Structure formats: structure tokens, C-alpha cells
Amino acid sequence: MDNNAQFPTLEKGHGQKTMKDVDFLLDIPLEISVELGRTKILINDLLQLGQGSVIELTKLAGEPLEILINQKLIARGEAVVVNEKFGVRITDIISPIERVKQLG
């Protein structure tokens, strides 16, 4: 019995990625959210909130906003106003290594 694995010969260019190979990914919707900060609050305190109430967040003023795609941190940025709407200017992209560390 022959234990050597047999593989077909690859043609030139076979296995190279082209734009056509990933076109199907371009129409997948992603949820992007920007997080200003977080806090924990008791239900009793939540029920006391009303118009004009202030909720203190864990982030300090001036700290970068967190940009999440599908609830995963991918970048940080700063708030800007564009045509009377809020926007985020990306200041830092999370490296793939940092993203993998977040999973564990």
C-alpha cells in the first residue's frame, strides 16, 4: 500500500485571489456603532431618570470614541460635525493581533 499523498498539479494563476472571488462579500451588511462610554446602573436609579438627568460614563472627556463593527472593536476616533450631523474621524485602527487578543 502506497502512503504517499497524491495532489493534482496546480495551473498557473490557480489559487490567486481576484476581485471577482470576493465580490459576494461586498453586499454583506455590517452594523457600525460608535461608543462614547459605558456605565452600570441599578434598576432603582434607572427608574429615577428623567428629562435633564445626567448619566456619568466611565470615559474621561477627550478620550477617543470606540468604533465597533458587529460589536467588535475595530478602531478609535474623535467626534466631528459634518453637514450638521455627527460623524467620527478615525484616528487609530486596531491591529489584527489586538483584535485576536480581544477574543480570548
PDB file of N, CA and C in Angstrom:
ATOM      1  N   MET A   1       0.851  -1.194   0.000  1.00  0.00           N
ATOM      2  CA  MET A   1       0.000   0.000   0.000  1.00  0.00           C
ATOM      3  C   MET A   1       0.888   1.245   0.000  1.00  0.00           C
ATOM      4  N   ASP A   2       0.591   2.182  -0.892  1.00  0.00           N
ATOM      5  CA  ASP A   2       1.376   3.409  -1.038  1.00  0.00           C
ATOM      6  C   ASP A   2       0.811   4.485  -0.115  1.00  0.00           C
ATOM      7  N   ASN A   3       1.636   4.991   0.830  1.00  0.00           N
ATOM      8  CA  ASN A   3       1.188   6.005   1.783  1.00  0.00           C
ATOM      9  C   ASN A   3       1.477   7.429   1.332  1.00  0.00           C
ATOM     10  N   ASN A   4       1.988   7.597   0.125  1.00  0.00           N
ATOM     11  CA  ASN A   4       2.293   8.935  -0.374  1.00  0.00           C
ATOM     12  C   ASN A   4       1.017   9.603  -0.876  1.00  0.00           C
ATOM     13  N   ALA A   5       0.790  10.835  -0.432  1.00  0.00           N
ATOM     14  CA  ALA A   5      -0.395  11.577  -0.866  1.00  0.00           C
ATOM     15  C   ALA A   5      -0.205  12.059  -2.294  1.00  0.00           C
ATOM     16  N   GLN A   6      -1.242  12.011  -3.075  1.00  0.00           N
ATOM     17  CA  GLN A   6      -1.211  12.470  -4.456  1.00  0.00           C
ATOM     18  C   GLN A   6      -2.065  13.731  -4.571  1.00  0.00           C
ATOM     19  N   PHE A   7      -1.486  14.790  -5.124  1.00  0.00           N
ATOM     20  CA  PHE A   7      -2.192  16.052  -5.296  1.00  0.00           C
ATOM     21  C   PHE A   7      -2.187  16.425  -6.766  1.00  0.00           C
ATOM     22  N   PRO A   8      -3.282  17.022  -7.255  1.00  0.00           N
ATOM     23  CA  PRO A   8      -3.301  17.438  -8.659  1.00  0.00           C
ATOM     24  C   PRO A   8      -2.330  18.601  -8.878  1.00  0.00           C
ATOM     25  N   THR A   9      -1.827  18.709 -10.079  1.00  0.00           N
ATOM     26  CA  THR A   9      -0.917  19.794 -10.437  1.00  0.00           C
ATOM     27  C   THR A   9      -1.716  21.086 -10.540  1.00  0.00           C
ATOM     28  N   LEU A  10      -1.203  22.149  -9.923  1.00  0.00           N
ATOM     29  CA  LEU A  10      -1.883  23.433  -9.981  1.00  0.00           C
ATOM     30  C   LEU A  10      -1.493  24.169 -11.246  1.00  0.00           C
ATOM     31  N   GLU A  11      -2.495  24.767 -11.882  1.00  0.00           N
ATOM     32  CA  GLU A  11      -2.224  25.561 -13.065  1.00  0.00           C
ATOM     33  C   GLU A  11      -1.734  26.934 -12.649  1.00  0.00           C
ATOM     34  N   LYS A  12      -1.021  27.576 -13.550  1.00  0.00           N
ATOM     35  CA  LYS A  12      -0.508  28.921 -13.274  1.00  0.00           C
ATOM     36  C   LYS A  12      -1.691  29.851 -12.977  1.00  0.00           C
ATOM     37  N   GLY A  13      -1.588  30.612 -11.891  1.00  0.00           N
ATOM     38  CA  GLY A  13      -2.643  31.547 -11.522  1.00  0.00           C
ATOM     39  C   GLY A  13      -3.714  30.928 -10.641  1.00  0.00           C
ATOM     40  N   HIS A  14      -3.709  29.610 -10.537  1.00  0.00           N
ATOM     41  CA  HIS A  14      -4.703  28.933  -9.696  1.00  0.00           C
ATOM     42  C   HIS A  14      -4.437  29.275  -8.232  1.00  0.00           C
ATOM     43  N   GLY A  15      -5.474  29.636  -7.492  1.00  0.00           N
ATOM     44  CA  GLY A  15      -5.311  29.972  -6.081  1.00  0.00           C
ATOM     45  C   GLY A  15      -5.089  31.448  -5.835  1.00  0.00           C
ATOM     46  N   GLN A  16      -4.853  32.223  -6.892  1.00  0.00           N
ATOM     47  CA  GLN A  16      -4.694  33.657  -6.711  1.00  0.00           C
ATOM     48  C   GLN A  16      -6.071  34.286  -6.557  1.00  0.00           C
ATOM     49  N   LYS A  17      -6.181  35.194  -5.572  1.00  0.00           N
ATOM     50  CA  LYS A  17      -7.457  35.852  -5.327  1.00  0.00           C
ATOM     51  C   LYS A  17      -7.633  37.002  -6.310  1.00  0.00           C
ATOM     52  N   THR A  18      -8.804  37.101  -6.873  1.00  0.00           N
ATOM     53  CA  THR A  18      -9.134  38.231  -7.728  1.00  0.00           C
ATOM     54  C   THR A  18     -10.324  38.938  -7.114  1.00  0.00           C
ATOM     55  N   MET A  19     -10.593  40.128  -7.586  1.00  0.00           N
ATOM     56  CA  MET A  19     -11.729  40.892  -7.062  1.00  0.00           C
ATOM     57  C   MET A  19     -13.017  40.114  -7.253  1.00  0.00           C
ATOM     58  N   LYS A  20     -13.113  39.352  -8.356  1.00  0.00           N
ATOM     59  CA  LYS A  20     -14.309  38.558  -8.604  1.00  0.00           C
ATOM     60  C   LYS A  20     -14.543  37.534  -7.503  1.00  0.00           C
ATOM     61  N   ASP A  21     -13.461  37.002  -6.944  1.00  0.00           N
ATOM     62  CA  ASP A  21     -13.572  35.987  -5.907  1.00  0.00           C
ATOM     63  C   ASP A  21     -14.207  36.527  -4.629  1.00  0.00           C
ATOM     64  N   VAL A  22     -14.084  37.828  -4.374  1.00  0.00           N
ATOM     65  CA  VAL A  22     -14.603  38.399  -3.130  1.00  0.00           C
ATOM     66  C   VAL A  22     -15.776  39.348  -3.366  1.00  0.00           C
ATOM     67  N   ASP A  23     -16.253  39.445  -4.598  1.00  0.00           N
ATOM     68  CA  ASP A  23     -17.388  40.326  -4.892  1.00  0.00           C
ATOM     69  C   ASP A  23     -18.606  40.011  -4.031  1.00  0.00           C
ATOM     70  N   PHE A  24     -18.835  38.742  -3.733  1.00  0.00           N
ATOM     71  CA  PHE A  24     -20.003  38.362  -2.948  1.00  0.00           C
ATOM     72  C   PHE A  24     -19.956  38.930  -1.543  1.00  0.00           C
ATOM     73  N   LEU A  25     -18.780  39.311  -1.045  1.00  0.00           N
ATOM     74  CA  LEU A  25     -18.657  39.887   0.298  1.00  0.00           C
ATOM     75  C   LEU A  25     -19.080  41.350   0.348  1.00  0.00           C
ATOM     76  N   LEU A  26     -19.046  42.030  -0.786  1.00  0.00           N
ATOM     77  CA  LEU A  26     -19.266  43.471  -0.813  1.00  0.00           C
ATOM     78  C   LEU A  26     -20.685  43.875  -0.456  1.00  0.00           C
ATOM     79  N   ASP A  27     -21.653  42.986  -0.588  1.00  0.00           N
ATOM     80  CA  ASP A  27     -23.047  43.312  -0.301  1.00  0.00           C
ATOM     81  C   ASP A  27     -23.506  42.845   1.075  1.00  0.00           C
ATOM     82  N   ILE A  28     -22.601  42.369   1.908  1.00  0.00           N
ATOM     83  CA  ILE A  28     -22.973  41.911   3.243  1.00  0.00           C
ATOM     84  C   ILE A  28     -23.092  43.128   4.166  1.00  0.00           C
ATOM     85  N   PRO A  29     -24.272  43.325   4.763  1.00  0.00           N
ATOM     86  CA  PRO A  29     -24.431  44.487   5.656  1.00  0.00           C
ATOM     87  C   PRO A  29     -23.721  44.269   6.992  1.00  0.00           C
ATOM     88  N   LEU A  30     -23.099  45.328   7.505  1.00  0.00           N
ATOM     89  CA  LEU A  30     -22.428  45.303   8.796  1.00  0.00           C
ATOM     90  C   LEU A  30     -23.021  46.390   9.676  1.00  0.00           C
ATOM     91  N   GLU A  31     -23.116  46.113  10.957  1.00  0.00           N
ATOM     92  CA  GLU A  31     -23.622  47.099  11.912  1.00  0.00           C
ATOM     93  C   GLU A  31     -22.430  47.865  12.484  1.00  0.00           C
ATOM     94  N   ILE A  32     -22.412  49.167  12.261  1.00  0.00           N
ATOM     95  CA  ILE A  32     -21.352  50.010  12.808  1.00  0.00           C
ATOM     96  C   ILE A  32     -21.948  50.848  13.924  1.00  0.00           C
ATOM     97  N   SER A  33     -21.284  50.844  15.064  1.00  0.00           N
ATOM     98  CA  SER A  33     -21.722  51.684  16.177  1.00  0.00           C
ATOM     99  C   SER A  33     -20.508  52.391  16.765  1.00  0.00           C
ATOM    100  N   VAL A  34     -20.768  53.534  17.361  1.00  0.00           N
ATOM    101  CA  VAL A  34     -19.716  54.323  17.987  1.00  0.00           C
ATOM    102  C   VAL A  34     -20.089  54.475  19.443  1.00  0.00           C
ATOM    103  N   GLU A  35     -19.164  54.119  20.314  1.00  0.00           N
ATOM    104  CA  GLU A  35     -19.445  54.133  21.744  1.00  0.00           C
ATOM    105  C   GLU A  35     -18.714  55.288  22.412  1.00  0.00           C
ATOM    106  N   LEU A  36     -19.502  56.118  23.076  1.00  0.00           N
ATOM    107  CA  LEU A  36     -18.962  57.256  23.810  1.00  0.00           C
ATOM    108  C   LEU A  36     -18.409  56.816  25.159  1.00  0.00           C
ATOM    109  N   GLY A  37     -19.065  55.852  25.785  1.00  0.00           N
ATOM    110  CA  GLY A  37     -18.639  55.347  27.081  1.00  0.00           C
ATOM    111  C   GLY A  37     -19.672  54.375  27.623  1.00  0.00           C
ATOM    112  N   ARG A  38     -19.405  53.840  28.791  1.00  0.00           N
ATOM    113  CA  ARG A  38     -20.314  52.874  29.427  1.00  0.00           C
ATOM    114  C   ARG A  38     -20.440  53.188  30.909  1.00  0.00           C
ATOM    115  N   THR A  39     -21.455  52.608  31.497  1.00  0.00           N
ATOM    116  CA  THR A  39     -21.609  52.670  32.949  1.00  0.00           C
ATOM    117  C   THR A  39     -22.547  51.556  33.377  1.00  0.00           C
ATOM    118  N   LYS A  40     -22.547  51.249  34.656  1.00  0.00           N
ATOM    119  CA  LYS A  40     -23.503  50.310  35.227  1.00  0.00           C
ATOM    120  C   LYS A  40     -24.413  51.113  36.143  1.00  0.00           C
ATOM    121  N   ILE A  41     -25.686  50.746  36.150  1.00  0.00           N
ATOM    122  CA  ILE A  41     -26.651  51.494  36.939  1.00  0.00           C
ATOM    123  C   ILE A  41     -27.667  50.520  37.545  1.00  0.00           C
ATOM    124  N   LEU A  42     -28.067  50.792  38.759  1.00  0.00           N
ATOM    125  CA  LEU A  42     -29.095  49.976  39.405  1.00  0.00           C
ATOM    126  C   LEU A  42     -30.458  50.277  38.786  1.00  0.00           C
ATOM    127  N   ILE A  43     -31.316  49.274  38.758  1.00  0.00           N
ATOM    128  CA  ILE A  43     -32.660  49.474  38.211  1.00  0.00           C
ATOM    129  C   ILE A  43     -33.371  50.605  38.940  1.00  0.00           C
ATOM    130  N   ASN A  44     -33.196  50.693  40.260  1.00  0.00           N
ATOM    131  CA  ASN A  44     -33.840  51.763  41.027  1.00  0.00           C
ATOM    132  C   ASN A  44     -33.382  53.137  40.534  1.00  0.00           C
ATOM    133  N   ASP A  45     -32.071  53.277  40.271  1.00  0.00           N
ATOM    134  CA  ASP A  45     -31.544  54.547  39.769  1.00  0.00           C
ATOM    135  C   ASP A  45     -32.030  54.825  38.350  1.00  0.00           C
ATOM    136  N   LEU A  46     -32.149  53.776  37.551  1.00  0.00           N
ATOM    137  CA  LEU A  46     -32.653  53.917  36.190  1.00  0.00           C
ATOM    138  C   LEU A  46     -34.078  54.458  36.191  1.00  0.00           C
ATOM    139  N   LEU A  47     -34.890  53.953  37.123  1.00  0.00           N
ATOM    140  CA  LEU A  47     -36.286  54.387  37.204  1.00  0.00           C
ATOM    141  C   LEU A  47     -36.410  55.849  37.657  1.00  0.00           C
ATOM    142  N   GLN A  48     -35.380  56.377  38.287  1.00  0.00           N
ATOM    143  CA  GLN A  48     -35.402  57.763  38.760  1.00  0.00           C
ATOM    144  C   GLN A  48     -34.997  58.763  37.679  1.00  0.00           C
ATOM    145  N   LEU A  49     -34.469  58.258  36.553  1.00  0.00           N
ATOM    146  CA  LEU A  49     -34.021  59.158  35.492  1.00  0.00           C
ATOM    147  C   LEU A  49     -35.185  59.871  34.836  1.00  0.00           C
ATOM    148  N   GLY A  50     -34.961  61.095  34.477  1.00  0.00           N
ATOM    149  CA  GLY A  50     -35.964  61.878  33.772  1.00  0.00           C
ATOM    150  C   GLY A  50     -35.275  62.830  32.817  1.00  0.00           C
ATOM    151  N   GLN A  51     -36.066  63.624  32.147  1.00  0.00           N
ATOM    152  CA  GLN A  51     -35.503  64.592  31.218  1.00  0.00           C
ATOM    153  C   GLN A  51     -34.548  65.518  31.963  1.00  0.00           C
ATOM    154  N   GLY A  52     -33.353  65.693  31.434  1.00  0.00           N
ATOM    155  CA  GLY A  52     -32.345  66.537  32.071  1.00  0.00           C
ATOM    156  C   GLY A  52     -31.402  65.781  32.992  1.00  0.00           C
ATOM    157  N   SER A  53     -31.695  64.508  33.262  1.00  0.00           N
ATOM    158  CA  SER A  53     -30.800  63.704  34.102  1.00  0.00           C
ATOM    159  C   SER A  53     -29.470  63.512  33.390  1.00  0.00           C
ATOM    160  N   VAL A  54     -28.407  63.361  34.159  1.00  0.00           N
ATOM    161  CA  VAL A  54     -27.072  63.132  33.608  1.00  0.00           C
ATOM    162  C   VAL A  54     -26.586  61.770  34.064  1.00  0.00           C
ATOM    163  N   ILE A  55     -26.090  60.984  33.133  1.00  0.00           N
ATOM    164  CA  ILE A  55     -25.516  59.677  33.438  1.00  0.00           C
ATOM    165  C   ILE A  55     -24.011  59.794  33.252  1.00  0.00           C
ATOM    166  N   GLU A  56     -23.254  59.557  34.312  1.00  0.00           N
ATOM    167  CA  GLU A  56     -21.798  59.640  34.238  1.00  0.00           C
ATOM    168  C   GLU A  56     -21.249  58.369  33.606  1.00  0.00           C
ATOM    169  N   LEU A  57     -20.357  58.549  32.630  1.00  0.00           N
ATOM    170  CA  LEU A  57     -19.773  57.415  31.920  1.00  0.00           C
ATOM    171  C   LEU A  57     -18.358  57.148  32.414  1.00  0.00           C
ATOM    172  N   THR A  58     -17.846  55.970  32.069  1.00  0.00           N
ATOM    173  CA  THR A  58     -16.529  55.557  32.539  1.00  0.00           C
ATOM    174  C   THR A  58     -15.389  56.283  31.832  1.00  0.00           C
ATOM    175  N   LYS A  59     -15.631  56.838  30.668  1.00  0.00           N
ATOM    176  CA  LYS A  59     -14.572  57.521  29.923  1.00  0.00           C
ATOM    177  C   LYS A  59     -14.444  58.967  30.354  1.00  0.00           C
ATOM    178  N   LEU A  60     -13.238  59.464  30.236  1.00  0.00           N
ATOM    179  CA  LEU A  60     -12.970  60.859  30.533  1.00  0.00           C
ATOM    180  C   LEU A  60     -13.228  61.708  29.295  1.00  0.00           C
ATOM    181  N   ALA A  61     -13.546  62.981  29.507  1.00  0.00           N
ATOM    182  CA  ALA A  61     -13.739  63.905  28.389  1.00  0.00           C
ATOM    183  C   ALA A  61     -12.454  63.958  27.576  1.00  0.00           C
ATOM    184  N   GLY A  62     -12.582  63.904  26.257  1.00  0.00           N
ATOM    185  CA  GLY A  62     -11.417  63.964  25.381  1.00  0.00           C
ATOM    186  C   GLY A  62     -10.856  62.614  24.990  1.00  0.00           C
ATOM    187  N   GLU A  63     -11.271  61.546  25.669  1.00  0.00           N
ATOM    188  CA  GLU A  63     -10.793  60.220  25.287  1.00  0.00           C
ATOM    189  C   GLU A  63     -11.417  59.828  23.950  1.00  0.00           C
ATOM    190  N   PRO A  64     -10.711  59.004  23.163  1.00  0.00           N
ATOM    191  CA  PRO A  64     -11.256  58.612  21.856  1.00  0.00           C
ATOM    192  C   PRO A  64     -12.539  57.796  21.986  1.00  0.00           C
ATOM    193  N   LEU A  65     -13.400  57.944  20.977  1.00  0.00           N
ATOM    194  CA  LEU A  65     -14.613  57.131  20.880  1.00  0.00           C
ATOM    195  C   LEU A  65     -14.218  55.767  20.328  1.00  0.00           C
ATOM    196  N   GLU A  66     -14.968  54.744  20.680  1.00  0.00           N
ATOM    197  CA  GLU A  66     -14.687  53.400  20.173  1.00  0.00           C
ATOM    198  C   GLU A  66     -15.621  53.101  19.010  1.00  0.00           C
ATOM    199  N   ILE A  67     -15.047  52.625  17.920  1.00  0.00           N
ATOM    200  CA  ILE A  67     -15.812  52.287  16.725  1.00  0.00           C
ATOM    201  C   ILE A  67     -15.889  50.769  16.656  1.00  0.00           C
ATOM    202  N   LEU A  68     -17.132  50.271  16.658  1.00  0.00           N
ATOM    203  CA  LEU A  68     -17.346  48.827  16.664  1.00  0.00           C
ATOM    204  C   LEU A  68     -18.068  48.395  15.391  1.00  0.00           C
ATOM    205  N   ILE A  69     -17.654  47.275  14.845  1.00  0.00           N
ATOM    206  CA  ILE A  69     -18.366  46.661  13.732  1.00  0.00           C
ATOM    207  C   ILE A  69     -18.838  45.304  14.211  1.00  0.00           C
ATOM    208  N   ASN A  70     -20.155  45.107  14.135  1.00  0.00           N
ATOM    209  CA  ASN A  70     -20.789  43.893  14.662  1.00  0.00           C
ATOM    210  C   ASN A  70     -20.331  43.630  16.092  1.00  0.00           C
ATOM    211  N   GLN A  71     -20.309  44.678  16.896  1.00  0.00           N
ATOM    212  CA  GLN A  71     -19.999  44.648  18.325  1.00  0.00           C
ATOM    213  C   GLN A  71     -18.556  44.275  18.634  1.00  0.00           C
ATOM    214  N   LYS A  72     -17.654  44.392  17.654  1.00  0.00           N
ATOM    215  CA  LYS A  72     -16.236  44.131  17.861  1.00  0.00           C
ATOM    216  C   LYS A  72     -15.460  45.417  17.615  1.00  0.00           C
ATOM    217  N   LEU A  73     -14.585  45.784  18.552  1.00  0.00           N
ATOM    218  CA  LEU A  73     -13.791  46.993  18.436  1.00  0.00           C
ATOM    219  C   LEU A  73     -12.832  46.873  17.258  1.00  0.00           C
ATOM    220  N   ILE A  74     -12.908  47.841  16.322  1.00  0.00           N
ATOM    221  CA  ILE A  74     -12.013  47.816  15.170  1.00  0.00           C
ATOM    222  C   ILE A  74     -11.200  49.099  15.026  1.00  0.00           C
ATOM    223  N   ALA A  75     -11.656  50.185  15.702  1.00  0.00           N
ATOM    224  CA  ALA A  75     -10.943  51.455  15.559  1.00  0.00           C
ATOM    225  C   ALA A  75     -11.341  52.402  16.681  1.00  0.00           C
ATOM    226  N   ARG A  76     -10.601  53.516  16.759  1.00  0.00           N
ATOM    227  CA  ARG A  76     -10.932  54.593  17.688  1.00  0.00           C
ATOM    228  C   ARG A  76     -10.944  55.893  16.890  1.00  0.00           C
ATOM    229  N   GLY A  77     -11.693  56.870  17.379  1.00  0.00           N
ATOM    230  CA  GLY A  77     -11.759  58.123  16.643  1.00  0.00           C
ATOM    231  C   GLY A  77     -12.251  59.258  17.501  1.00  0.00           C
ATOM    232  N   GLU A  78     -12.490  60.398  16.844  1.00  0.00           N
ATOM    233  CA  GLU A  78     -12.963  61.584  17.536  1.00  0.00           C
ATOM    234  C   GLU A  78     -14.225  62.091  16.855  1.00  0.00           C
ATOM    235  N   ALA A  79     -15.098  62.692  17.634  1.00  0.00           N
ATOM    236  CA  ALA A  79     -16.362  63.204  17.111  1.00  0.00           C
ATOM    237  C   ALA A  79     -16.117  64.437  16.263  1.00  0.00           C
ATOM    238  N   VAL A  80     -16.832  64.516  15.141  1.00  0.00           N
ATOM    239  CA  VAL A  80     -16.794  65.679  14.265  1.00  0.00           C
ATOM    240  C   VAL A  80     -18.222  66.000  13.834  1.00  0.00           C
ATOM    241  N   VAL A  81     -18.431  67.185  13.306  1.00  0.00           N
ATOM    242  CA  VAL A  81     -19.729  67.564  12.761  1.00  0.00           C
ATOM    243  C   VAL A  81     -19.552  67.761  11.263  1.00  0.00           C
ATOM    244  N   VAL A  82     -20.386  67.065  10.480  1.00  0.00           N
ATOM    245  CA  VAL A  82     -20.340  67.143   9.024  1.00  0.00           C
ATOM    246  C   VAL A  82     -21.747  67.435   8.530  1.00  0.00           C
ATOM    247  N   ASN A  83     -21.925  68.578   7.882  1.00  0.00           N
ATOM    248  CA  ASN A  83     -23.249  68.961   7.376  1.00  0.00           C
ATOM    249  C   ASN A  83     -24.322  68.867   8.461  1.00  0.00           C
ATOM    250  N   GLU A  84     -24.018  69.391   9.617  1.00  0.00           N
ATOM    251  CA  GLU A  84     -24.929  69.434  10.767  1.00  0.00           C
ATOM    252  C   GLU A  84     -25.280  68.062  11.326  1.00  0.00           C
ATOM    253  N   LYS A  85     -24.498  67.044  10.982  1.00  0.00           N
ATOM    254  CA  LYS A  85     -24.684  65.701  11.537  1.00  0.00           C
ATOM    255  C   LYS A  85     -23.388  65.292  12.213  1.00  0.00           C
ATOM    256  N   PHE A  86     -23.514  64.449  13.247  1.00  0.00           N
ATOM    257  CA  PHE A  86     -22.321  63.934  13.903  1.00  0.00           C
ATOM    258  C   PHE A  86     -21.642  62.896  13.018  1.00  0.00           C
ATOM    259  N   GLY A  87     -20.340  62.837  13.115  1.00  0.00           N
ATOM    260  CA  GLY A  87     -19.551  61.843  12.419  1.00  0.00           C
ATOM    261  C   GLY A  87     -18.371  61.481  13.299  1.00  0.00           C
ATOM    262  N   VAL A  88     -17.565  60.555  12.837  1.00  0.00           N
ATOM    263  CA  VAL A  88     -16.380  60.136  13.583  1.00  0.00           C
ATOM    264  C   VAL A  88     -15.194  60.131  12.641  1.00  0.00           C
ATOM    265  N   ARG A  89     -14.138  60.816  13.035  1.00  0.00           N
ATOM    266  CA  ARG A  89     -12.880  60.789  12.288  1.00  0.00           C
ATOM    267  C   ARG A  89     -12.029  59.686  12.901  1.00  0.00           C
ATOM    268  N   ILE A  90     -11.658  58.704  12.100  1.00  0.00           N
ATOM    269  CA  ILE A  90     -10.858  57.578  12.594  1.00  0.00           C
ATOM    270  C   ILE A  90      -9.441  58.054  12.863  1.00  0.00           C
ATOM    271  N   THR A  91      -8.974  57.796  14.072  1.00  0.00           N
ATOM    272  CA  THR A  91      -7.623  58.197  14.454  1.00  0.00           C
ATOM    273  C   THR A  91      -6.703  57.004  14.679  1.00  0.00           C
ATOM    274  N   ASP A  92      -7.278  55.818  14.880  1.00  0.00           N
ATOM    275  CA  ASP A  92      -6.471  54.641  15.186  1.00  0.00           C
ATOM    276  C   ASP A  92      -7.221  53.389  14.766  1.00  0.00           C
ATOM    277  N   ILE A  93      -6.604  52.548  13.959  1.00  0.00           N
ATOM    278  CA  ILE A  93      -7.184  51.260  13.565  1.00  0.00           C
ATOM    279  C   ILE A  93      -6.582  50.189  14.464  1.00  0.00           C
ATOM    280  N   ILE A  94      -7.428  49.318  14.989  1.00  0.00           N
ATOM    281  CA  ILE A  94      -6.966  48.224  15.846  1.00  0.00           C
ATOM    282  C   ILE A  94      -6.272  47.189  14.960  1.00  0.00           C
ATOM    283  N   SER A  95      -5.066  46.790  15.335  1.00  0.00           N
ATOM    284  CA  SER A  95      -4.321  45.812  14.537  1.00  0.00           C
ATOM    285  C   SER A  95      -4.988  44.439  14.637  1.00  0.00           C
ATOM    286  N   PRO A  96      -4.792  43.598  13.625  1.00  0.00           N
ATOM    287  CA  PRO A  96      -5.362  42.247  13.686  1.00  0.00           C
ATOM    288  C   PRO A  96      -4.923  41.484  14.935  1.00  0.00           C
ATOM    289  N   ILE A  97      -3.698  41.683  15.385  1.00  0.00           N
ATOM    290  CA  ILE A  97      -3.205  40.989  16.579  1.00  0.00           C
ATOM    291  C   ILE A  97      -4.002  41.434  17.808  1.00  0.00           C
ATOM    292  N   GLU A  98      -4.251  42.755  17.932  1.00  0.00           N
ATOM    293  CA  GLU A  98      -5.034  43.250  19.048  1.00  0.00           C
ATOM    294  C   GLU A  98      -6.465  42.719  19.010  1.00  0.00           C
ATOM    295  N   ARG A  99      -7.035  42.602  17.798  1.00  0.00           N
ATOM    296  CA  ARG A  99      -8.402  42.080  17.662  1.00  0.00           C
ATOM    297  C   ARG A  99      -8.471  40.629  18.101  1.00  0.00           C
ATOM    298  N   VAL A 100      -7.459  39.836  17.774  1.00  0.00           N
ATOM    299  CA  VAL A 100      -7.423  38.425  18.184  1.00  0.00           C
ATOM    300  C   VAL A 100      -7.327  38.347  19.709  1.00  0.00           C
ATOM    301  N   LYS A 101      -6.529  39.220  20.329  1.00  0.00           N
ATOM    302  CA  LYS A 101      -6.394  39.219  21.788  1.00  0.00           C
ATOM    303  C   LYS A 101      -7.728  39.513  22.466  1.00  0.00           C
ATOM    304  N   GLN A 102      -8.577  40.338  21.854  1.00  0.00           N
ATOM    305  CA  GLN A 102      -9.875  40.668  22.420  1.00  0.00           C
ATOM    306  C   GLN A 102     -10.813  39.469  22.461  1.00  0.00           C
ATOM    307  N   LEU A 103     -10.587  38.503  21.584  1.00  0.00           N
ATOM    308  CA  LEU A 103     -11.446  37.326  21.527  1.00  0.00           C
ATOM    309  C   LEU A 103     -11.242  36.406  22.712  1.00  0.00           C
ATOM    310  N   GLY A 104     -10.048  36.417  23.291  1.00  0.00           N
ATOM    311  CA  GLY A 104      -9.729  35.479  24.373  1.00  0.00           C
ATOM    312  C   GLY A 104      -9.940  36.002  25.698  1.00  0.00           C
TER     313      GLY A 104
END
